[in-house]
Amino acid sequence: LFLKVPAFRHCTIVQICELIPRIVRQYALYGQYIMSEGQPALGLFMIARGSVQLWMGREPAGVLARNEFFGEKSVLEDMNTEGSKSSFTAQAAELVELMVLHRKE
């Protein structure tokens, strides 16, 4: 799942081994907000099970499901940039199991 993220496809084994211990399993219940537009982006969320509804403002922006991901920009950008805020809201469309790589503080 982790290697499906384009930014990590070219990582060395050593780099991947350094990141894997930072990945944590997280669950979200139906309707629970995972990330909110305009709030600090918390990290990379990889969907292991379930689906996530994306919203931009009050408009639906798509649905992500198993083996898809969101929030990848947050782990690649500098914490001090304006880009560190989420550009969308992510809400669990059902019970969701996520593998999360939180931003490094």
PDB file of N, CA and C in Angstrom:
ATOM      1  N   LEU A   1       0.832  -1.197   0.000  1.00  0.00           N
ATOM      2  CA  LEU A   1       0.000   0.000   0.000  1.00  0.00           C
ATOM      3  C   LEU A   1       0.871   1.254   0.000  1.00  0.00           C
ATOM      4  N   PHE A   2       1.883   1.240   0.827  1.00  0.00           N
ATOM      5  CA  PHE A   2       2.778   2.390   0.967  1.00  0.00           C
ATOM      6  C   PHE A   2       3.456   2.736  -0.354  1.00  0.00           C
ATOM      7  N   LEU A   3       3.862   1.726  -1.119  1.00  0.00           N
ATOM      8  CA  LEU A   3       4.593   1.959  -2.365  1.00  0.00           C
ATOM      9  C   LEU A   3       3.694   2.406  -3.520  1.00  0.00           C
ATOM     10  N   LYS A   4       2.375   2.439  -3.309  1.00  0.00           N
ATOM     11  CA  LYS A   4       1.457   2.950  -4.327  1.00  0.00           C
ATOM     12  C   LYS A   4       1.508   4.476  -4.395  1.00  0.00           C
ATOM     13  N   VAL A   5       2.042   5.103  -3.375  1.00  0.00           N
ATOM     14  CA  VAL A   5       2.169   6.566  -3.351  1.00  0.00           C
ATOM     15  C   VAL A   5       3.351   6.937  -4.247  1.00  0.00           C
ATOM     16  N   PRO A   6       3.090   7.673  -5.340  1.00  0.00           N
ATOM     17  CA  PRO A   6       4.159   7.982  -6.293  1.00  0.00           C
ATOM     18  C   PRO A   6       5.425   8.568  -5.665  1.00  0.00           C
ATOM     19  N   ALA A   7       5.285   9.407  -4.676  1.00  0.00           N
ATOM     20  CA  ALA A   7       6.448  10.050  -4.061  1.00  0.00           C
ATOM     21  C   ALA A   7       7.387   9.057  -3.381  1.00  0.00           C
ATOM     22  N   PHE A   8       6.896   7.876  -3.057  1.00  0.00           N
ATOM     23  CA  PHE A   8       7.721   6.899  -2.333  1.00  0.00           C
ATOM     24  C   PHE A   8       8.182   5.732  -3.193  1.00  0.00           C
ATOM     25  N   ARG A   9       7.772   5.692  -4.447  1.00  0.00           N
ATOM     26  CA  ARG A   9       8.130   4.569  -5.326  1.00  0.00           C
ATOM     27  C   ARG A   9       9.621   4.440  -5.561  1.00  0.00           C
ATOM     28  N   HIS A  10      10.339   5.546  -5.504  1.00  0.00           N
ATOM     29  CA  HIS A  10      11.762   5.518  -5.810  1.00  0.00           C
ATOM     30  C   HIS A  10      12.636   5.566  -4.555  1.00  0.00           C
ATOM     31  N   CYS A  11      12.017   5.346  -3.410  1.00  0.00           N
ATOM     32  CA  CYS A  11      12.788   5.320  -2.167  1.00  0.00           C
ATOM     33  C   CYS A  11      13.653   4.056  -2.117  1.00  0.00           C
ATOM     34  N   THR A  12      14.779   4.187  -1.457  1.00  0.00           N
ATOM     35  CA  THR A  12      15.628   3.020  -1.248  1.00  0.00           C
ATOM     36  C   THR A  12      15.038   2.176  -0.126  1.00  0.00           C
ATOM     37  N   ILE A  13      15.502   0.958  -0.019  1.00  0.00           N
ATOM     38  CA  ILE A  13      15.054   0.070   1.068  1.00  0.00           C
ATOM     39  C   ILE A  13      15.357   0.702   2.423  1.00  0.00           C
ATOM     40  N   VAL A  14      16.496   1.343   2.547  1.00  0.00           N
ATOM     41  CA  VAL A  14      16.878   1.991   3.807  1.00  0.00           C
ATOM     42  C   VAL A  14      15.879   3.095   4.156  1.00  0.00           C
ATOM     43  N   GLN A  15      15.523   3.910   3.173  1.00  0.00           N
ATOM     44  CA  GLN A  15      14.573   4.997   3.415  1.00  0.00           C
ATOM     45  C   GLN A  15      13.200   4.444   3.807  1.00  0.00           C
ATOM     46  N   ILE A  16      12.754   3.410   3.128  1.00  0.00           N
ATOM     47  CA  ILE A  16      11.467   2.797   3.449  1.00  0.00           C
ATOM     48  C   ILE A  16      11.489   2.219   4.859  1.00  0.00           C
ATOM     49  N   CYS A  17      12.575   1.579   5.226  1.00  0.00           N
ATOM     50  CA  CYS A  17      12.692   1.004   6.575  1.00  0.00           C
ATOM     51  C   CYS A  17      12.665   2.078   7.658  1.00  0.00           C
ATOM     52  N   GLU A  18      13.110   3.286   7.329  1.00  0.00           N
ATOM     53  CA  GLU A  18      13.044   4.391   8.286  1.00  0.00           C
ATOM     54  C   GLU A  18      11.625   4.923   8.440  1.00  0.00           C
ATOM     55  N   LEU A  19      10.817   4.859   7.369  1.00  0.00           N
ATOM     56  CA  LEU A  19       9.455   5.390   7.399  1.00  0.00           C
ATOM     57  C   LEU A  19       8.441   4.413   7.989  1.00  0.00           C
ATOM     58  N   ILE A  20       8.602   3.141   7.742  1.00  0.00           N
ATOM     59  CA  ILE A  20       7.612   2.141   8.160  1.00  0.00           C
ATOM     60  C   ILE A  20       7.275   2.197   9.650  1.00  0.00           C
ATOM     61  N   PRO A  21       8.243   2.337  10.548  1.00  0.00           N
ATOM     62  CA  PRO A  21       7.877   2.401  11.973  1.00  0.00           C
ATOM     63  C   PRO A  21       7.009   3.606  12.332  1.00  0.00           C
ATOM     64  N   ARG A  22       6.979   4.625  11.474  1.00  0.00           N
ATOM     65  CA  ARG A  22       6.170   5.826  11.745  1.00  0.00           C
ATOM     66  C   ARG A  22       4.725   5.674  11.286  1.00  0.00           C
ATOM     67  N   ILE A  23       4.421   4.599  10.570  1.00  0.00           N
ATOM     68  CA  ILE A  23       3.060   4.390  10.070  1.00  0.00           C
ATOM     69  C   ILE A  23       2.209   3.762  11.173  1.00  0.00           C
ATOM     70  N   VAL A  24       1.046   4.364  11.432  1.00  0.00           N
ATOM     71  CA  VAL A  24       0.149   3.847  12.468  1.00  0.00           C
ATOM     72  C   VAL A  24      -1.220   3.525  11.860  1.00  0.00           C
ATOM     73  N   ARG A  25      -1.869   2.539  12.421  1.00  0.00           N
ATOM     74  CA  ARG A  25      -3.213   2.150  11.997  1.00  0.00           C
ATOM     75  C   ARG A  25      -4.217   3.032  12.731  1.00  0.00           C
ATOM     76  N   GLN A  26      -5.198   3.517  12.008  1.00  0.00           N
ATOM     77  CA  GLN A  26      -6.225   4.381  12.589  1.00  0.00           C
ATOM     78  C   GLN A  26      -7.565   3.986  11.978  1.00  0.00           C
ATOM     79  N   TYR A  27      -8.635   4.087  12.760  1.00  0.00           N
ATOM     80  CA  TYR A  27      -9.975   3.778  12.270  1.00  0.00           C
ATOM     81  C   TYR A  27     -10.840   5.029  12.340  1.00  0.00           C
ATOM     82  N   ALA A  28     -11.757   5.140  11.389  1.00  0.00           N
ATOM     83  CA  ALA A  28     -12.732   6.241  11.397  1.00  0.00           C
ATOM     84  C   ALA A  28     -14.107   5.614  11.193  1.00  0.00           C
ATOM     85  N   LEU A  29     -15.067   6.031  11.997  1.00  0.00           N
ATOM     86  CA  LEU A  29     -16.436   5.535  11.893  1.00  0.00           C
ATOM     87  C   LEU A  29     -17.206   6.315  10.841  1.00  0.00           C
ATOM     88  N   TYR A  30     -18.289   5.742  10.355  1.00  0.00           N
ATOM     89  CA  TYR A  30     -19.138   6.403   9.363  1.00  0.00           C
ATOM     90  C   TYR A  30     -19.442   7.840   9.805  1.00  0.00           C
ATOM     91  N   GLY A  31     -19.217   8.792   8.912  1.00  0.00           N
ATOM     92  CA  GLY A  31     -19.514  10.192   9.191  1.00  0.00           C
ATOM     93  C   GLY A  31     -18.411  10.952   9.899  1.00  0.00           C
ATOM     94  N   GLN A  32     -17.426  10.267  10.419  1.00  0.00           N
ATOM     95  CA  GLN A  32     -16.343  10.919  11.155  1.00  0.00           C
ATOM     96  C   GLN A  32     -15.439  11.693  10.195  1.00  0.00           C
ATOM     97  N   TYR A  33     -15.065  12.901  10.602  1.00  0.00           N
ATOM     98  CA  TYR A  33     -14.149  13.711   9.805  1.00  0.00           C
ATOM     99  C   TYR A  33     -12.722  13.277  10.084  1.00  0.00           C
ATOM    100  N   ILE A  34     -11.980  13.038   9.027  1.00  0.00           N
ATOM    101  CA  ILE A  34     -10.593  12.593   9.121  1.00  0.00           C
ATOM    102  C   ILE A  34      -9.667  13.798   8.967  1.00  0.00           C
ATOM    103  N   MET A  35     -10.051  14.706   8.080  1.00  0.00           N
ATOM    104  CA  MET A  35      -9.282  15.899   7.779  1.00  0.00           C
ATOM    105  C   MET A  35     -10.275  16.996   7.405  1.00  0.00           C
ATOM    106  N   SER A  36     -10.024  18.215   7.822  1.00  0.00           N
ATOM    107  CA  SER A  36     -10.947  19.317   7.523  1.00  0.00           C
ATOM    108  C   SER A  36     -10.271  20.397   6.693  1.00  0.00           C
ATOM    109  N   GLU A  37     -10.984  20.867   5.677  1.00  0.00           N
ATOM    110  CA  GLU A  37     -10.489  21.908   4.788  1.00  0.00           C
ATOM    111  C   GLU A  37     -10.080  23.138   5.595  1.00  0.00           C
ATOM    112  N   GLY A  38      -8.899  23.675   5.268  1.00  0.00           N
ATOM    113  CA  GLY A  38      -8.405  24.869   5.934  1.00  0.00           C
ATOM    114  C   GLY A  38      -7.664  24.614   7.233  1.00  0.00           C
ATOM    115  N   GLN A  39      -7.750  23.395   7.747  1.00  0.00           N
ATOM    116  CA  GLN A  39      -7.043  23.041   8.980  1.00  0.00           C
ATOM    117  C   GLN A  39      -5.667  22.483   8.626  1.00  0.00           C
ATOM    118  N   PRO A  40      -4.747  22.452   9.588  1.00  0.00           N
ATOM    119  CA  PRO A  40      -3.425  21.887   9.300  1.00  0.00           C
ATOM    120  C   PRO A  40      -3.551  20.446   8.790  1.00  0.00           C
ATOM    121  N   ALA A  41      -2.831  20.166   7.717  1.00  0.00           N
ATOM    122  CA  ALA A  41      -2.802  18.807   7.169  1.00  0.00           C
ATOM    123  C   ALA A  41      -1.942  17.951   8.094  1.00  0.00           C
ATOM    124  N   LEU A  42      -2.463  16.804   8.473  1.00  0.00           N
ATOM    125  CA  LEU A  42      -1.825  15.988   9.510  1.00  0.00           C
ATOM    126  C   LEU A  42      -0.875  14.925   8.987  1.00  0.00           C
ATOM    127  N   GLY A  43      -1.034  14.533   7.736  1.00  0.00           N
ATOM    128  CA  GLY A  43      -0.158  13.502   7.200  1.00  0.00           C
ATOM    129  C   GLY A  43      -0.764  12.794   6.007  1.00  0.00           C
ATOM    130  N   LEU A  44      -0.124  11.700   5.645  1.00  0.00           N
ATOM    131  CA  LEU A  44      -0.540  10.866   4.528  1.00  0.00           C
ATOM    132  C   LEU A  44      -1.468   9.778   5.044  1.00  0.00           C
ATOM    133  N   PHE A  45      -2.651   9.656   4.454  1.00  0.00           N
ATOM    134  CA  PHE A  45      -3.641   8.657   4.850  1.00  0.00           C
ATOM    135  C   PHE A  45      -3.805   7.654   3.719  1.00  0.00           C
ATOM    136  N   MET A  46      -3.500   6.397   3.974  1.00  0.00           N
ATOM    137  CA  MET A  46      -3.643   5.336   2.987  1.00  0.00           C
ATOM    138  C   MET A  46      -4.832   4.476   3.415  1.00  0.00           C
ATOM    139  N   ILE A  47      -5.774   4.254   2.529  1.00  0.00           N
ATOM    140  CA  ILE A  47      -6.998   3.532   2.869  1.00  0.00           C
ATOM    141  C   ILE A  47      -6.773   2.031   2.715  1.00  0.00           C
ATOM    142  N   ALA A  48      -6.821   1.310   3.825  1.00  0.00           N
ATOM    143  CA  ALA A  48      -6.655  -0.141   3.818  1.00  0.00           C
ATOM    144  C   ALA A  48      -7.998  -0.840   3.650  1.00  0.00           C
ATOM    145  N   ARG A  49      -9.067  -0.208   4.155  1.00  0.00           N
ATOM    146  CA  ARG A  49     -10.415  -0.792   4.066  1.00  0.00           C
ATOM    147  C   ARG A  49     -11.437   0.331   4.177  1.00  0.00           C
ATOM    148  N   GLY A  50     -12.517   0.241   3.393  1.00  0.00           N
ATOM    149  CA  GLY A  50     -13.584   1.220   3.461  1.00  0.00           C
ATOM    150  C   GLY A  50     -13.448   2.286   2.392  1.00  0.00           C
ATOM    151  N   SER A  51     -14.216   3.375   2.551  1.00  0.00           N
ATOM    152  CA  SER A  51     -14.172   4.471   1.586  1.00  0.00           C
ATOM    153  C   SER A  51     -14.305   5.813   2.299  1.00  0.00           C
ATOM    154  N   VAL A  52     -13.781   6.844   1.630  1.00  0.00           N
ATOM    155  CA  VAL A  52     -13.724   8.190   2.186  1.00  0.00           C
ATOM    156  C   VAL A  52     -14.319   9.164   1.172  1.00  0.00           C
ATOM    157  N   GLN A  53     -15.254   9.985   1.628  1.00  0.00           N
ATOM    158  CA  GLN A  53     -15.861  11.029   0.794  1.00  0.00           C
ATOM    159  C   GLN A  53     -15.021  12.290   0.929  1.00  0.00           C
ATOM    160  N   LEU A  54     -14.653  12.894  -0.196  1.00  0.00           N
ATOM    161  CA  LEU A  54     -13.915  14.150  -0.182  1.00  0.00           C
ATOM    162  C   LEU A  54     -14.867  15.289  -0.512  1.00  0.00           C
ATOM    163  N   TRP A  55     -14.673  16.424   0.158  1.00  0.00           N
ATOM    164  CA  TRP A  55     -15.505  17.607  -0.035  1.00  0.00           C
ATOM    165  C   TRP A  55     -14.606  18.811  -0.240  1.00  0.00           C
ATOM    166  N   MET A  56     -15.013  19.702  -1.139  1.00  0.00           N
ATOM    167  CA  MET A  56     -14.366  21.008  -1.275  1.00  0.00           C
ATOM    168  C   MET A  56     -15.468  22.016  -1.008  1.00  0.00           C
ATOM    169  N   GLY A  57     -15.393  22.648   0.144  1.00  0.00           N
ATOM    170  CA  GLY A  57     -16.511  23.475   0.598  1.00  0.00           C
ATOM    171  C   GLY A  57     -17.681  22.540   0.878  1.00  0.00           C
ATOM    172  N   ARG A  58     -18.851  22.847   0.319  1.00  0.00           N
ATOM    173  CA  ARG A  58     -20.028  21.992   0.521  1.00  0.00           C
ATOM    174  C   ARG A  58     -20.273  21.059  -0.662  1.00  0.00           C
ATOM    175  N   GLU A  59     -19.354  21.098  -1.626  1.00  0.00           N
ATOM    176  CA  GLU A  59     -19.512  20.291  -2.838  1.00  0.00           C
ATOM    177  C   GLU A  59     -18.731  18.982  -2.734  1.00  0.00           C
ATOM    178  N   PRO A  60     -19.348  17.850  -3.101  1.00  0.00           N
ATOM    179  CA  PRO A  60     -18.609  16.591  -3.130  1.00  0.00           C
ATOM    180  C   PRO A  60     -17.496  16.663  -4.179  1.00  0.00           C
ATOM    181  N   ALA A  61     -16.327  16.169  -3.823  1.00  0.00           N
ATOM    182  CA  ALA A  61     -15.169  16.239  -4.724  1.00  0.00           C
ATOM    183  C   ALA A  61     -14.674  14.862  -5.127  1.00  0.00           C
ATOM    184  N   GLY A  62     -15.349  13.810  -4.672  1.00  0.00           N
ATOM    185  CA  GLY A  62     -14.941  12.462  -5.049  1.00  0.00           C
ATOM    186  C   GLY A  62     -14.981  11.508  -3.879  1.00  0.00           C
ATOM    187  N   VAL A  63     -14.800  10.250  -4.213  1.00  0.00           N
ATOM    188  CA  VAL A  63     -14.758   9.188  -3.205  1.00  0.00           C
ATOM    189  C   VAL A  63     -13.488   8.381  -3.438  1.00  0.00           C
ATOM    190  N   LEU A  64     -12.765   8.132  -2.362  1.00  0.00           N
ATOM    191  CA  LEU A  64     -11.581   7.284  -2.420  1.00  0.00           C
ATOM    192  C   LEU A  64     -11.886   5.984  -1.702  1.00  0.00           C
ATOM    193  N   ALA A  65     -11.285   4.891  -2.177  1.00  0.00           N
ATOM    194  CA  ALA A  65     -11.552   3.574  -1.597  1.00  0.00           C
ATOM    195  C   ALA A  65     -10.232   2.839  -1.343  1.00  0.00           C
ATOM    196  N   ARG A  66     -10.353   1.572  -1.034  1.00  0.00           N
ATOM    197  CA  ARG A  66      -9.213   0.704  -0.687  1.00  0.00           C
ATOM    198  C   ARG A  66      -8.045   0.912  -1.659  1.00  0.00           C
ATOM    199  N   ASN A  67      -6.858   0.985  -1.079  1.00  0.00           N
ATOM    200  CA  ASN A  67      -5.594   1.152  -1.800  1.00  0.00           C
ATOM    201  C   ASN A  67      -5.399   2.544  -2.399  1.00  0.00           C
ATOM    202  N   GLU A  68      -6.269   3.498  -2.066  1.00  0.00           N
ATOM    203  CA  GLU A  68      -6.057   4.872  -2.502  1.00  0.00           C
ATOM    204  C   GLU A  68      -5.578   5.684  -1.299  1.00  0.00           C
ATOM    205  N   PHE A  69      -5.148   6.896  -1.541  1.00  0.00           N
ATOM    206  CA  PHE A  69      -4.547   7.693  -0.481  1.00  0.00           C
ATOM    207  C   PHE A  69      -4.841   9.163  -0.672  1.00  0.00           C
ATOM    208  N   PHE A  70      -4.631   9.937   0.386  1.00  0.00           N
ATOM    209  CA  PHE A  70      -4.766  11.393   0.340  1.00  0.00           C
ATOM    210  C   PHE A  70      -3.871  12.002   1.400  1.00  0.00           C
ATOM    211  N   GLY A  71      -3.572  13.286   1.239  1.00  0.00           N
ATOM    212  CA  GLY A  71      -2.734  14.003   2.205  1.00  0.00           C
ATOM    213  C   GLY A  71      -1.246  13.885   1.958  1.00  0.00           C
ATOM    214  N   GLU A  72      -0.864  13.313   0.813  1.00  0.00           N
ATOM    215  CA  GLU A  72       0.559  13.091   0.556  1.00  0.00           C
ATOM    216  C   GLU A  72       1.378  14.372   0.520  1.00  0.00           C
ATOM    217  N   LYS A  73       0.770  15.482   0.090  1.00  0.00           N
ATOM    218  CA  LYS A  73       1.513  16.751   0.035  1.00  0.00           C
ATOM    219  C   LYS A  73       1.976  17.186   1.411  1.00  0.00           C
ATOM    220  N   SER A  74       1.210  16.839   2.430  1.00  0.00           N
ATOM    221  CA  SER A  74       1.550  17.304   3.777  1.00  0.00           C
ATOM    222  C   SER A  74       2.852  16.715   4.300  1.00  0.00           C
ATOM    223  N   VAL A  75       3.226  15.521   3.850  1.00  0.00           N
ATOM    224  CA  VAL A  75       4.481  14.941   4.327  1.00  0.00           C
ATOM    225  C   VAL A  75       5.661  15.360   3.458  1.00  0.00           C
ATOM    226  N   LEU A  76       5.355  15.996   2.321  1.00  0.00           N
ATOM    227  CA  LEU A  76       6.419  16.419   1.421  1.00  0.00           C
ATOM    228  C   LEU A  76       6.730  17.900   1.529  1.00  0.00           C
ATOM    229  N   GLU A  77       5.828  18.681   2.120  1.00  0.00           N
ATOM    230  CA  GLU A  77       6.004  20.127   2.204  1.00  0.00           C
ATOM    231  C   GLU A  77       6.576  20.547   3.549  1.00  0.00           C
ATOM    232  N   ASP A  78       7.189  21.684   3.544  1.00  0.00           N
ATOM    233  CA  ASP A  78       7.729  22.294   4.752  1.00  0.00           C
ATOM    234  C   ASP A  78       6.568  22.718   5.650  1.00  0.00           C
ATOM    235  N   MET A  79       6.667  22.451   6.928  1.00  0.00           N
ATOM    236  CA  MET A  79       5.610  22.794   7.894  1.00  0.00           C
ATOM    237  C   MET A  79       5.282  24.289   7.876  1.00  0.00           C
ATOM    238  N   ASN A  80       6.216  25.141   7.495  1.00  0.00           N
ATOM    239  CA  ASN A  80       5.994  26.581   7.553  1.00  0.00           C
ATOM    240  C   ASN A  80       5.343  27.153   6.297  1.00  0.00           C
ATOM    241  N   THR A  81       5.057  26.315   5.305  1.00  0.00           N
ATOM    242  CA  THR A  81       4.460  26.833   4.079  1.00  0.00           C
ATOM    243  C   THR A  81       2.948  26.876   4.200  1.00  0.00           C
ATOM    244  N   GLU A  82       2.332  27.722   3.396  1.00  0.00           N
ATOM    245  CA  GLU A  82       0.873  27.834   3.373  1.00  0.00           C
ATOM    246  C   GLU A  82       0.250  26.519   2.924  1.00  0.00           C
ATOM    247  N   GLY A  83       1.001  25.734   2.139  1.00  0.00           N
ATOM    248  CA  GLY A  83       0.508  24.461   1.636  1.00  0.00           C
ATOM    249  C   GLY A  83       0.294  23.416   2.717  1.00  0.00           C
ATOM    250  N   SER A  84       0.657  23.713   3.949  1.00  0.00           N
ATOM    251  CA  SER A  84       0.505  22.736   5.016  1.00  0.00           C
ATOM    252  C   SER A  84      -0.929  22.675   5.548  1.00  0.00           C
ATOM    253  N   LYS A  85      -1.833  23.418   4.914  1.00  0.00           N
ATOM    254  CA  LYS A  85      -3.254  23.364   5.297  1.00  0.00           C
ATOM    255  C   LYS A  85      -3.991  22.486   4.303  1.00  0.00           C
ATOM    256  N   SER A  86      -4.976  21.760   4.780  1.00  0.00           N
ATOM    257  CA  SER A  86      -5.741  20.867   3.918  1.00  0.00           C
ATOM    258  C   SER A  86      -6.605  21.662   2.938  1.00  0.00           C
ATOM    259  N   SER A  87      -6.630  21.233   1.689  1.00  0.00           N
ATOM    260  CA  SER A  87      -7.423  21.910   0.657  1.00  0.00           C
ATOM    261  C   SER A  87      -8.798  21.266   0.486  1.00  0.00           C
ATOM    262  N   PHE A  88      -9.109  20.260   1.305  1.00  0.00           N
ATOM    263  CA  PHE A  88     -10.392  19.567   1.220  1.00  0.00           C
ATOM    264  C   PHE A  88     -10.738  18.963   2.575  1.00  0.00           C
ATOM    265  N   THR A  89     -11.970  18.499   2.686  1.00  0.00           N
ATOM    266  CA  THR A  89     -12.414  17.770   3.876  1.00  0.00           C
ATOM    267  C   THR A  89     -12.542  16.302   3.492  1.00  0.00           C
ATOM    268  N   ALA A  90     -12.082  15.422   4.359  1.00  0.00           N
ATOM    269  CA  ALA A  90     -12.201  13.981   4.153  1.00  0.00           C
ATOM    270  C   ALA A  90     -13.089  13.425   5.264  1.00  0.00           C
ATOM    271  N   GLN A  91     -14.137  12.699   4.860  1.00  0.00           N
ATOM    272  CA  GLN A  91     -15.113  12.161   5.810  1.00  0.00           C
ATOM    273  C   GLN A  91     -15.324  10.679   5.523  1.00  0.00           C
ATOM    274  N   ALA A  92     -15.337   9.867   6.558  1.00  0.00           N
ATOM    275  CA  ALA A  92     -15.548   8.426   6.390  1.00  0.00           C
ATOM    276  C   ALA A  92     -16.945   8.163   5.838  1.00  0.00           C
ATOM    277  N   ALA A  93     -17.023   7.433   4.716  1.00  0.00           N
ATOM    278  CA  ALA A  93     -18.299   7.079   4.105  1.00  0.00           C
ATOM    279  C   ALA A  93     -18.826   5.762   4.673  1.00  0.00           C
ATOM    280  N   GLU A  94     -18.008   5.097   5.467  1.00  0.00           N
ATOM    281  CA  GLU A  94     -18.321   3.849   6.155  1.00  0.00           C
ATOM    282  C   GLU A  94     -17.183   3.635   7.149  1.00  0.00           C
ATOM    283  N   LEU A  95     -17.161   2.503   7.833  1.00  0.00           N
ATOM    284  CA  LEU A  95     -16.021   2.214   8.702  1.00  0.00           C
ATOM    285  C   LEU A  95     -14.772   2.146   7.833  1.00  0.00           C
ATOM    286  N   VAL A  96     -13.748   2.923   8.191  1.00  0.00           N
ATOM    287  CA  VAL A  96     -12.535   3.015   7.388  1.00  0.00           C
ATOM    288  C   VAL A  96     -11.327   2.634   8.238  1.00  0.00           C
ATOM    289  N   GLU A  97     -10.487   1.789   7.666  1.00  0.00           N
ATOM    290  CA  GLU A  97      -9.198   1.464   8.277  1.00  0.00           C
ATOM    291  C   GLU A  97      -8.136   2.199   7.477  1.00  0.00           C
ATOM    292  N   LEU A  98      -7.344   3.006   8.153  1.00  0.00           N
ATOM    293  CA  LEU A  98      -6.325   3.836   7.511  1.00  0.00           C
ATOM    294  C   LEU A  98      -4.943   3.481   8.033  1.00  0.00           C
ATOM    295  N   MET A  99      -3.971   3.594   7.171  1.00  0.00           N
ATOM    296  CA  MET A  99      -2.574   3.517   7.571  1.00  0.00           C
ATOM    297  C   MET A  99      -2.071   4.946   7.422  1.00  0.00           C
ATOM    298  N   VAL A 100      -1.590   5.528   8.518  1.00  0.00           N
ATOM    299  CA  VAL A 100      -1.291   6.964   8.535  1.00  0.00           C
ATOM    300  C   VAL A 100       0.187   7.209   8.805  1.00  0.00           C
ATOM    301  N   LEU A 101       0.773   8.020   7.938  1.00  0.00           N
ATOM    302  CA  LEU A 101       2.136   8.499   8.136  1.00  0.00           C
ATOM    303  C   LEU A 101       1.995   9.969   8.518  1.00  0.00           C
ATOM    304  N   HIS A 102       2.097  10.259   9.817  1.00  0.00           N
ATOM    305  CA  HIS A 102       1.915  11.628  10.301  1.00  0.00           C
ATOM    306  C   HIS A 102       3.102  12.491   9.896  1.00  0.00           C
ATOM    307  N   ARG A 103       2.790  13.776   9.743  1.00  0.00           N
ATOM    308  CA  ARG A 103       3.844  14.749   9.444  1.00  0.00           C
ATOM    309  C   ARG A 103       4.893  14.720  10.543  1.00  0.00           C
ATOM    310  N   LYS A 104       6.105  14.916  10.142  1.00  0.00           N
ATOM    311  CA  LYS A 104       7.180  15.030  11.123  1.00  0.00           C
ATOM    312  C   LYS A 104       7.150  16.438  11.681  1.00  0.00           C
ATOM    313  N   GLU A 105       7.043  16.554  12.980  1.00  0.00           N
ATOM    314  CA  GLU A 105       6.958  17.885  13.634  1.00  0.00           C
ATOM    315  C   GLU A 105       8.325  18.525  13.689  1.00  0.00           C
TER     316      GLU A 105
END
